[in-house]
Amino acid sequence: MTQSVYCLKLPTTLTLTQLHALQIECQQHPSETLQIDAEAVEHVDTAALQLLLAVSQVIHIEWENPSLVLCAAAQTLGLTQLLKLPPINV
């Protein structure tokens, strides 16, 4: 049986304010691959990256067009490999 895919589009601003709704949405699809469209992300904080890391530990994540801002923030915190995001050249 193939695993189903749930597509999640992240907002432009991904900070503590948006995390509760994001957490609930992720929890509603625990047995699905979570395909995250992160192209629109222009601002992300540490709390958001922590939530994405926690989600990635229990749900398979595939990134669709991760923004440079998201990748840079993850790289600054040393989370690029853990989140399976592409590295950036700085």
N, C-alpha and C. Protein backbone atom coordinates (compact mmCIF):
# COMPACT_ATOMS: atom_id res chain seq x y z
N MET A 1 0.84 -1.18 0.00
CA MET A 1 0.00 0.00 0.00
C MET A 1 0.89 1.24 0.00
N THR A 2 0.59 2.19 -0.86
CA THR A 2 1.37 3.42 -0.92
C THR A 2 0.85 4.42 0.10
N GLN A 3 1.77 5.20 0.60
CA GLN A 3 1.42 6.21 1.58
C GLN A 3 0.86 7.42 0.87
N SER A 4 -0.20 7.99 1.43
CA SER A 4 -0.79 9.17 0.81
C SER A 4 0.04 10.41 1.16
N VAL A 5 -0.16 11.45 0.38
CA VAL A 5 0.59 12.69 0.54
C VAL A 5 -0.39 13.81 0.87
N TYR A 6 -0.04 14.59 1.90
CA TYR A 6 -0.83 15.77 2.26
C TYR A 6 0.02 16.99 1.94
N CYS A 7 -0.52 17.91 1.18
CA CYS A 7 0.20 19.13 0.80
C CYS A 7 -0.14 20.27 1.76
N LEU A 8 0.90 20.90 2.27
CA LEU A 8 0.76 22.00 3.21
C LEU A 8 1.52 23.20 2.67
N LYS A 9 0.82 24.32 2.51
CA LYS A 9 1.46 25.55 2.04
C LYS A 9 1.72 26.45 3.24
N LEU A 10 2.99 26.76 3.47
CA LEU A 10 3.34 27.61 4.60
C LEU A 10 3.07 29.08 4.27
N PRO A 11 2.72 29.86 5.29
CA PRO A 11 2.46 31.29 5.07
C PRO A 11 3.75 32.08 4.89
N THR A 12 3.59 33.34 4.52
CA THR A 12 4.73 34.23 4.34
C THR A 12 5.49 34.42 5.65
N THR A 13 4.75 34.57 6.74
CA THR A 13 5.34 34.73 8.06
C THR A 13 5.06 33.47 8.87
N LEU A 14 6.12 32.85 9.32
CA LEU A 14 6.00 31.62 10.10
C LEU A 14 6.70 31.83 11.44
N THR A 15 5.89 32.29 12.40
CA THR A 15 6.42 32.59 13.73
C THR A 15 5.53 31.96 14.78
N LEU A 16 5.85 32.21 16.02
CA LEU A 16 5.13 31.64 17.15
C LEU A 16 3.62 31.82 17.02
N THR A 17 3.19 32.93 16.47
CA THR A 17 1.76 33.23 16.33
C THR A 17 1.04 32.20 15.47
N GLN A 18 1.69 31.68 14.45
CA GLN A 18 1.06 30.73 13.52
C GLN A 18 1.24 29.27 13.94
N LEU A 19 2.03 29.01 14.95
CA LEU A 19 2.42 27.63 15.24
C LEU A 19 1.30 26.72 15.72
N HIS A 20 0.39 27.23 16.50
CA HIS A 20 -0.68 26.37 17.00
C HIS A 20 -1.50 25.79 15.85
N ALA A 21 -1.88 26.63 14.92
CA ALA A 21 -2.65 26.16 13.77
C ALA A 21 -1.84 25.18 12.92
N LEU A 22 -0.55 25.46 12.75
CA LEU A 22 0.31 24.57 11.98
C LEU A 22 0.45 23.21 12.67
N GLN A 23 0.62 23.24 13.97
CA GLN A 23 0.75 21.99 14.73
C GLN A 23 -0.51 21.14 14.60
N ILE A 24 -1.66 21.76 14.73
CA ILE A 24 -2.93 21.02 14.60
C ILE A 24 -3.06 20.43 13.21
N GLU A 25 -2.73 21.21 12.20
CA GLU A 25 -2.83 20.71 10.82
C GLU A 25 -1.91 19.52 10.60
N CYS A 26 -0.71 19.58 11.12
CA CYS A 26 0.24 18.47 10.97
C CYS A 26 -0.24 17.23 11.72
N GLN A 27 -0.81 17.42 12.90
CA GLN A 27 -1.28 16.29 13.71
C GLN A 27 -2.48 15.59 13.08
N GLN A 28 -3.20 16.27 12.22
CA GLN A 28 -4.36 15.67 11.58
C GLN A 28 -3.96 14.70 10.47
N HIS A 29 -2.68 14.64 10.13
CA HIS A 29 -2.22 13.79 9.02
C HIS A 29 -1.00 12.96 9.42
N PRO A 30 -1.08 12.22 10.53
CA PRO A 30 0.10 11.53 11.05
C PRO A 30 0.60 10.38 10.18
N SER A 31 -0.26 9.78 9.39
CA SER A 31 0.16 8.62 8.60
C SER A 31 0.45 8.97 7.15
N GLU A 32 0.48 10.24 6.85
CA GLU A 32 0.70 10.69 5.49
C GLU A 32 2.07 11.34 5.35
N THR A 33 2.61 11.31 4.15
CA THR A 33 3.79 12.11 3.85
C THR A 33 3.33 13.56 3.79
N LEU A 34 4.08 14.43 4.43
CA LEU A 34 3.73 15.84 4.46
C LEU A 34 4.59 16.57 3.44
N GLN A 35 3.98 17.01 2.36
CA GLN A 35 4.69 17.77 1.34
C GLN A 35 4.49 19.24 1.67
N ILE A 36 5.58 19.90 2.03
CA ILE A 36 5.49 21.29 2.49
C ILE A 36 5.97 22.24 1.41
N ASP A 37 5.07 23.10 0.96
CA ASP A 37 5.40 24.16 0.02
C ASP A 37 5.83 25.37 0.85
N ALA A 38 7.11 25.66 0.84
CA ALA A 38 7.66 26.73 1.67
C ALA A 38 8.20 27.89 0.84
N GLU A 39 7.74 27.98 -0.38
CA GLU A 39 8.22 29.01 -1.30
C GLU A 39 7.90 30.43 -0.80
N ALA A 40 6.77 30.62 -0.14
CA ALA A 40 6.32 31.95 0.26
C ALA A 40 6.95 32.46 1.55
N VAL A 41 7.64 31.60 2.29
CA VAL A 41 8.17 31.98 3.61
C VAL A 41 9.20 33.10 3.46
N GLU A 42 8.89 34.24 4.08
CA GLU A 42 9.79 35.40 4.07
C GLU A 42 10.33 35.72 5.46
N HIS A 43 9.68 35.18 6.49
CA HIS A 43 10.13 35.40 7.88
C HIS A 43 9.83 34.14 8.67
N VAL A 44 10.84 33.62 9.34
CA VAL A 44 10.66 32.42 10.16
C VAL A 44 11.46 32.60 11.44
N ASP A 45 10.89 32.16 12.56
CA ASP A 45 11.63 32.28 13.81
C ASP A 45 12.05 30.91 14.32
N THR A 46 12.81 30.91 15.39
CA THR A 46 13.35 29.68 15.95
C THR A 46 12.25 28.73 16.39
N ALA A 47 11.20 29.25 16.98
CA ALA A 47 10.09 28.40 17.43
C ALA A 47 9.47 27.64 16.27
N ALA A 48 9.33 28.29 15.13
CA ALA A 48 8.77 27.62 13.95
C ALA A 48 9.69 26.51 13.46
N LEU A 49 10.98 26.77 13.45
CA LEU A 49 11.93 25.74 13.04
C LEU A 49 11.93 24.57 14.02
N GLN A 50 11.76 24.85 15.30
CA GLN A 50 11.68 23.78 16.30
C GLN A 50 10.45 22.91 16.07
N LEU A 51 9.33 23.53 15.74
CA LEU A 51 8.12 22.76 15.46
C LEU A 51 8.31 21.91 14.21
N LEU A 52 8.87 22.49 13.16
CA LEU A 52 9.11 21.73 11.94
C LEU A 52 10.05 20.55 12.20
N LEU A 53 11.04 20.75 13.05
CA LEU A 53 11.95 19.67 13.40
C LEU A 53 11.21 18.57 14.16
N ALA A 54 10.38 18.97 15.12
CA ALA A 54 9.61 17.98 15.89
C ALA A 54 8.68 17.20 14.98
N VAL A 55 8.02 17.88 14.07
CA VAL A 55 7.11 17.21 13.13
C VAL A 55 7.89 16.23 12.26
N SER A 56 9.07 16.65 11.82
CA SER A 56 9.87 15.80 10.92
C SER A 56 10.35 14.53 11.60
N GLN A 57 10.32 14.51 12.93
CA GLN A 57 10.74 13.32 13.66
C GLN A 57 9.66 12.24 13.67
N VAL A 58 8.41 12.63 13.42
CA VAL A 58 7.30 11.66 13.47
C VAL A 58 6.54 11.54 12.15
N ILE A 59 6.71 12.49 11.26
CA ILE A 59 6.03 12.48 9.96
C ILE A 59 7.08 12.67 8.87
N HIS A 60 6.98 11.90 7.81
CA HIS A 60 7.91 12.06 6.69
C HIS A 60 7.59 13.38 5.97
N ILE A 61 8.62 14.23 5.83
CA ILE A 61 8.44 15.54 5.19
C ILE A 61 9.19 15.57 3.86
N GLU A 62 8.53 16.12 2.86
CA GLU A 62 9.16 16.43 1.58
C GLU A 62 8.99 17.92 1.34
N TRP A 63 10.08 18.60 1.01
CA TRP A 63 10.04 20.04 0.80
C TRP A 63 9.78 20.37 -0.66
N GLU A 64 8.90 21.31 -0.87
CA GLU A 64 8.59 21.82 -2.20
C GLU A 64 9.00 23.29 -2.23
N ASN A 65 10.02 23.63 -2.99
CA ASN A 65 10.46 25.01 -3.14
C ASN A 65 10.72 25.74 -1.82
N PRO A 66 11.59 25.21 -0.95
CA PRO A 66 11.85 25.94 0.30
C PRO A 66 12.50 27.29 0.00
N SER A 67 12.02 28.33 0.64
CA SER A 67 12.55 29.68 0.40
C SER A 67 13.97 29.81 0.91
N LEU A 68 14.69 30.75 0.35
CA LEU A 68 16.04 31.04 0.80
C LEU A 68 16.05 31.45 2.27
N VAL A 69 15.03 32.20 2.68
CA VAL A 69 14.92 32.65 4.07
C VAL A 69 14.82 31.44 5.02
N LEU A 70 13.98 30.49 4.67
CA LEU A 70 13.81 29.29 5.49
C LEU A 70 15.11 28.49 5.54
N CYS A 71 15.73 28.29 4.39
CA CYS A 71 16.98 27.53 4.34
C CYS A 71 18.10 28.21 5.11
N ALA A 72 18.18 29.54 5.00
CA ALA A 72 19.22 30.29 5.71
C ALA A 72 19.01 30.23 7.22
N ALA A 73 17.77 30.35 7.66
CA ALA A 73 17.48 30.27 9.10
C ALA A 73 17.83 28.89 9.64
N ALA A 74 17.47 27.86 8.90
CA ALA A 74 17.79 26.49 9.33
C ALA A 74 19.30 26.29 9.37
N GLN A 75 20.00 26.82 8.38
CA GLN A 75 21.44 26.66 8.33
C GLN A 75 22.12 27.41 9.48
N THR A 76 21.63 28.59 9.81
CA THR A 76 22.18 29.37 10.92
C THR A 76 22.09 28.60 12.23
N LEU A 77 21.00 27.85 12.39
CA LEU A 77 20.80 27.09 13.63
C LEU A 77 21.34 25.67 13.55
N GLY A 78 21.96 25.32 12.43
CA GLY A 78 22.51 23.98 12.29
C GLY A 78 21.46 22.90 12.07
N LEU A 79 20.32 23.27 11.49
CA LEU A 79 19.22 22.33 11.31
C LEU A 79 19.03 21.87 9.86
N THR A 80 19.89 22.29 8.97
CA THR A 80 19.71 21.96 7.55
C THR A 80 19.60 20.46 7.32
N GLN A 81 20.55 19.71 7.83
CA GLN A 81 20.53 18.26 7.61
C GLN A 81 19.38 17.59 8.34
N LEU A 82 19.11 18.00 9.56
CA LEU A 82 18.03 17.39 10.33
C LEU A 82 16.67 17.60 9.66
N LEU A 83 16.48 18.79 9.07
CA LEU A 83 15.22 19.09 8.38
C LEU A 83 15.23 18.63 6.93
N LYS A 84 16.39 18.16 6.48
CA LYS A 84 16.55 17.70 5.09
C LYS A 84 16.25 18.81 4.08
N LEU A 85 16.75 20.01 4.43
CA LEU A 85 16.63 21.16 3.54
C LEU A 85 17.91 21.28 2.72
N PRO A 86 17.83 21.90 1.56
CA PRO A 86 19.07 22.09 0.78
C PRO A 86 19.98 23.13 1.44
N PRO A 87 21.28 22.89 1.43
CA PRO A 87 22.20 23.88 1.99
C PRO A 87 22.29 25.11 1.08
N ILE A 88 22.66 26.21 1.68
CA ILE A 88 22.87 27.44 0.88
C ILE A 88 24.34 27.82 0.98
N ASN A 89 24.81 28.51 -0.02
CA ASN A 89 26.19 29.01 0.00
C ASN A 89 26.19 30.43 0.55
N VAL A 90 26.94 30.63 1.61
CA VAL A 90 27.02 31.97 2.20
C VAL A 90 28.40 32.55 2.05
